[in-house]
Amino acid sequence: MSRNFTITKKIAKHGAQSVIIIPKFLSNELKPKTIVEVKINVIKEAKNEL
């Protein structure tokens, strides 16, 4: 059975990596070892930070 969720997120920074944090309310749906397909549509690009 396929379930679909759409979330809009700002990319976070964790050390040198950029990450997407999954909201807590999805934790019951997205248990560890669950395989998901992630598609990324850029809505607004970030400005360069100096």
PDB file of N, CA and C in Angstrom:
ATOM      1  N   MET A   1       0.842  -1.181   0.000  1.00  0.00           N
ATOM      2  CA  MET A   1       0.000   0.000   0.000  1.00  0.00           C
ATOM      3  C   MET A   1       0.886   1.243   0.000  1.00  0.00           C
ATOM      4  N   SER A   2       0.632   2.140  -0.893  1.00  0.00           N
ATOM      5  CA  SER A   2       1.415   3.362  -1.004  1.00  0.00           C
ATOM      6  C   SER A   2       0.687   4.512  -0.320  1.00  0.00           C
ATOM      7  N   ARG A   3       1.400   5.265   0.495  1.00  0.00           N
ATOM      8  CA  ARG A   3       0.856   6.462   1.145  1.00  0.00           C
ATOM      9  C   ARG A   3       1.701   7.636   0.712  1.00  0.00           C
ATOM     10  N   ASN A   4       1.076   8.762   0.482  1.00  0.00           N
ATOM     11  CA  ASN A   4       1.799   9.941   0.018  1.00  0.00           C
ATOM     12  C   ASN A   4       1.650  11.080   1.011  1.00  0.00           C
ATOM     13  N   PHE A   5       2.739  11.803   1.221  1.00  0.00           N
ATOM     14  CA  PHE A   5       2.753  12.966   2.088  1.00  0.00           C
ATOM     15  C   PHE A   5       3.475  14.074   1.334  1.00  0.00           C
ATOM     16  N   THR A   6       2.994  15.292   1.455  1.00  0.00           N
ATOM     17  CA  THR A   6       3.687  16.442   0.883  1.00  0.00           C
ATOM     18  C   THR A   6       4.019  17.386   2.017  1.00  0.00           C
ATOM     19  N   ILE A   7       5.299  17.707   2.173  1.00  0.00           N
ATOM     20  CA  ILE A   7       5.733  18.670   3.180  1.00  0.00           C
ATOM     21  C   ILE A   7       6.603  19.712   2.493  1.00  0.00           C
ATOM     22  N   THR A   8       6.553  20.929   2.990  1.00  0.00           N
ATOM     23  CA  THR A   8       7.410  21.996   2.481  1.00  0.00           C
ATOM     24  C   THR A   8       8.377  22.344   3.586  1.00  0.00           C
ATOM     25  N   LYS A   9       9.669  22.251   3.321  1.00  0.00           N
ATOM     26  CA  LYS A   9      10.684  22.418   4.359  1.00  0.00           C
ATOM     27  C   LYS A   9      11.789  23.340   3.899  1.00  0.00           C
ATOM     28  N   LYS A  10      12.398  24.015   4.859  1.00  0.00           N
ATOM     29  CA  LYS A  10      13.614  24.773   4.601  1.00  0.00           C
ATOM     30  C   LYS A  10      14.782  23.825   4.861  1.00  0.00           C
ATOM     31  N   ILE A  11      15.793  23.858   4.018  1.00  0.00           N
ATOM     32  CA  ILE A  11      16.966  23.016   4.190  1.00  0.00           C
ATOM     33  C   ILE A  11      17.736  23.500   5.423  1.00  0.00           C
ATOM     34  N   ALA A  12      18.065  22.580   6.313  1.00  0.00           N
ATOM     35  CA  ALA A  12      18.831  22.906   7.514  1.00  0.00           C
ATOM     36  C   ALA A  12      20.298  22.565   7.281  1.00  0.00           C
ATOM     37  N   LYS A  13      21.145  23.005   8.181  1.00  0.00           N
ATOM     38  CA  LYS A  13      22.570  22.724   8.091  1.00  0.00           C
ATOM     39  C   LYS A  13      22.970  21.910   9.325  1.00  0.00           C
ATOM     40  N   HIS A  14      23.706  20.840   9.093  1.00  0.00           N
ATOM     41  CA  HIS A  14      24.220  19.995  10.173  1.00  0.00           C
ATOM     42  C   HIS A  14      25.700  19.779   9.883  1.00  0.00           C
ATOM     43  N   GLY A  15      26.549  20.592  10.513  1.00  0.00           N
ATOM     44  CA  GLY A  15      27.977  20.553  10.202  1.00  0.00           C
ATOM     45  C   GLY A  15      28.185  21.046   8.787  1.00  0.00           C
ATOM     46  N   ALA A  16      28.852  20.248   7.974  1.00  0.00           N
ATOM     47  CA  ALA A  16      29.113  20.635   6.584  1.00  0.00           C
ATOM     48  C   ALA A  16      28.016  20.145   5.641  1.00  0.00           C
ATOM     49  N   GLN A  17      26.997  19.446   6.173  1.00  0.00           N
ATOM     50  CA  GLN A  17      25.965  18.863   5.324  1.00  0.00           C
ATOM     51  C   GLN A  17      24.666  19.643   5.401  1.00  0.00           C
ATOM     52  N   SER A  18      23.928  19.639   4.315  1.00  0.00           N
ATOM     53  CA  SER A  18      22.579  20.172   4.286  1.00  0.00           C
ATOM     54  C   SER A  18      21.625  19.009   4.536  1.00  0.00           C
ATOM     55  N   VAL A  19      20.601  19.243   5.354  1.00  0.00           N
ATOM     56  CA  VAL A  19      19.677  18.165   5.712  1.00  0.00           C
ATOM     57  C   VAL A  19      18.234  18.637   5.631  1.00  0.00           C
ATOM     58  N   ILE A  20      17.326  17.690   5.483  1.00  0.00           N
ATOM     59  CA  ILE A  20      15.896  17.948   5.556  1.00  0.00           C
ATOM     60  C   ILE A  20      15.386  17.191   6.775  1.00  0.00           C
ATOM     61  N   ILE A  21      14.772  17.918   7.691  1.00  0.00           N
ATOM     62  CA  ILE A  21      14.245  17.312   8.916  1.00  0.00           C
ATOM     63  C   ILE A  21      12.806  16.861   8.660  1.00  0.00           C
ATOM     64  N   ILE A  22      12.515  15.608   8.968  1.00  0.00           N
ATOM     65  CA  ILE A  22      11.163  15.079   8.800  1.00  0.00           C
ATOM     66  C   ILE A  22      10.357  15.422  10.059  1.00  0.00           C
ATOM     67  N   PRO A  23       9.161  15.990   9.902  1.00  0.00           N
ATOM     68  CA  PRO A  23       8.360  16.372  11.068  1.00  0.00           C
ATOM     69  C   PRO A  23       8.032  15.184  11.982  1.00  0.00           C
ATOM     70  N   LYS A  24       7.961  15.458  13.271  1.00  0.00           N
ATOM     71  CA  LYS A  24       7.712  14.426  14.281  1.00  0.00           C
ATOM     72  C   LYS A  24       6.396  13.683  14.034  1.00  0.00           C
ATOM     73  N   PHE A  25       5.364  14.408  13.559  1.00  0.00           N
ATOM     74  CA  PHE A  25       4.066  13.751  13.377  1.00  0.00           C
ATOM     75  C   PHE A  25       4.103  12.633  12.324  1.00  0.00           C
ATOM     76  N   LEU A  26       5.161  12.575  11.526  1.00  0.00           N
ATOM     77  CA  LEU A  26       5.295  11.490  10.550  1.00  0.00           C
ATOM     78  C   LEU A  26       6.101  10.307  11.096  1.00  0.00           C
ATOM     79  N   SER A  27       6.568  10.398  12.337  1.00  0.00           N
ATOM     80  CA  SER A  27       7.439   9.343  12.870  1.00  0.00           C
ATOM     81  C   SER A  27       6.753   7.978  12.920  1.00  0.00           C
ATOM     82  N   ASN A  28       5.442   7.927  13.127  1.00  0.00           N
ATOM     83  CA  ASN A  28       4.746   6.636  13.130  1.00  0.00           C
ATOM     84  C   ASN A  28       4.633   6.050  11.727  1.00  0.00           C
ATOM     85  N   GLU A  29       4.612   6.895  10.726  1.00  0.00           N
ATOM     86  CA  GLU A  29       4.516   6.444   9.336  1.00  0.00           C
ATOM     87  C   GLU A  29       5.873   6.090   8.748  1.00  0.00           C
ATOM     88  N   LEU A  30       6.932   6.763   9.213  1.00  0.00           N
ATOM     89  CA  LEU A  30       8.264   6.607   8.630  1.00  0.00           C
ATOM     90  C   LEU A  30       9.228   6.007   9.644  1.00  0.00           C
ATOM     91  N   LYS A  31       8.992   4.782   9.996  1.00  0.00           N
ATOM     92  CA  LYS A  31       9.839   4.084  10.957  1.00  0.00           C
ATOM     93  C   LYS A  31      11.206   3.776  10.334  1.00  0.00           C
ATOM     94  N   PRO A  32      12.229   3.566  11.172  1.00  0.00           N
ATOM     95  CA  PRO A  32      13.541   3.177  10.637  1.00  0.00           C
ATOM     96  C   PRO A  32      13.423   1.954   9.724  1.00  0.00           C
ATOM     97  N   LYS A  33      14.210   1.924   8.708  1.00  0.00           N
ATOM     98  CA  LYS A  33      14.270   0.887   7.668  1.00  0.00           C
ATOM     99  C   LYS A  33      13.134   0.977   6.657  1.00  0.00           C
ATOM    100  N   THR A  34      12.234   1.965   6.808  1.00  0.00           N
ATOM    101  CA  THR A  34      11.202   2.197   5.801  1.00  0.00           C
ATOM    102  C   THR A  34      11.870   2.790   4.568  1.00  0.00           C
ATOM    103  N   ILE A  35      11.517   2.299   3.400  1.00  0.00           N
ATOM    104  CA  ILE A  35      12.074   2.821   2.158  1.00  0.00           C
ATOM    105  C   ILE A  35      11.099   3.847   1.591  1.00  0.00           C
ATOM    106  N   VAL A  36      11.608   5.041   1.287  1.00  0.00           N
ATOM    107  CA  VAL A  36      10.779   6.111   0.741  1.00  0.00           C
ATOM    108  C   VAL A  36      11.422   6.667  -0.524  1.00  0.00           C
ATOM    109  N   GLU A  37      10.616   7.293  -1.350  1.00  0.00           N
ATOM    110  CA  GLU A  37      11.107   8.005  -2.525  1.00  0.00           C
ATOM    111  C   GLU A  37      11.010   9.485  -2.205  1.00  0.00           C
ATOM    112  N   VAL A  38      12.104  10.209  -2.395  1.00  0.00           N
ATOM    113  CA  VAL A  38      12.132  11.641  -2.105  1.00  0.00           C
ATOM    114  C   VAL A  38      12.322  12.396  -3.409  1.00  0.00           C
ATOM    115  N   LYS A  39      11.395  13.288  -3.700  1.00  0.00           N
ATOM    116  CA  LYS A  39      11.499  14.160  -4.872  1.00  0.00           C
ATOM    117  C   LYS A  39      11.638  15.579  -4.342  1.00  0.00           C
ATOM    118  N   ILE A  40      12.559  16.345  -4.912  1.00  0.00           N
ATOM    119  CA  ILE A  40      12.808  17.699  -4.427  1.00  0.00           C
ATOM    120  C   ILE A  40      12.492  18.696  -5.535  1.00  0.00           C
ATOM    121  N   ASN A  41      11.574  19.607  -5.239  1.00  0.00           N
ATOM    122  CA  ASN A  41      11.259  20.719  -6.126  1.00  0.00           C
ATOM    123  C   ASN A  41      11.711  21.985  -5.427  1.00  0.00           C
ATOM    124  N   VAL A  42      12.636  22.721  -6.024  1.00  0.00           N
ATOM    125  CA  VAL A  42      13.131  23.950  -5.425  1.00  0.00           C
ATOM    126  C   VAL A  42      12.093  25.047  -5.671  1.00  0.00           C
ATOM    127  N   ILE A  43      11.546  25.601  -4.587  1.00  0.00           N
ATOM    128  CA  ILE A  43      10.514  26.635  -4.667  1.00  0.00           C
ATOM    129  C   ILE A  43      11.146  28.017  -4.656  1.00  0.00           C
ATOM    130  N   LYS A  44      12.143  28.200  -3.798  1.00  0.00           N
ATOM    131  CA  LYS A  44      12.837  29.486  -3.689  1.00  0.00           C
ATOM    132  C   LYS A  44      14.271  29.201  -3.316  1.00  0.00           C
ATOM    133  N   GLU A  45      15.203  29.762  -4.074  1.00  0.00           N
ATOM    134  CA  GLU A  45      16.621  29.540  -3.784  1.00  0.00           C
ATOM    135  C   GLU A  45      17.093  30.485  -2.693  1.00  0.00           C
ATOM    136  N   ALA A  46      17.995  30.004  -1.870  1.00  0.00           N
ATOM    137  CA  ALA A  46      18.571  30.822  -0.798  1.00  0.00           C
ATOM    138  C   ALA A  46      19.563  31.816  -1.373  1.00  0.00           C
ATOM    139  N   LYS A  47      19.690  32.957  -0.711  1.00  0.00           N
ATOM    140  CA  LYS A  47      20.697  33.940  -1.095  1.00  0.00           C
ATOM    141  C   LYS A  47      22.045  33.478  -0.566  1.00  0.00           C
ATOM    142  N   ASN A  48      23.120  33.877  -1.237  1.00  0.00           N
ATOM    143  CA  ASN A  48      24.468  33.523  -0.770  1.00  0.00           C
ATOM    144  C   ASN A  48      24.755  34.223   0.540  1.00  0.00           C
ATOM    145  N   GLU A  49      25.209  33.463   1.538  1.00  0.00           N
ATOM    146  CA  GLU A  49      25.593  34.032   2.822  1.00  0.00           C
ATOM    147  C   GLU A  49      27.100  34.191   2.853  1.00  0.00           C
ATOM    148  N   LEU A  50      27.561  35.322   3.337  1.00  0.00           N
ATOM    149  CA  LEU A  50      29.004  35.558   3.430  1.00  0.00           C
ATOM    150  C   LEU A  50      29.463  35.393   4.842  1.00  0.00           C
TER     151      LEU A  50
END
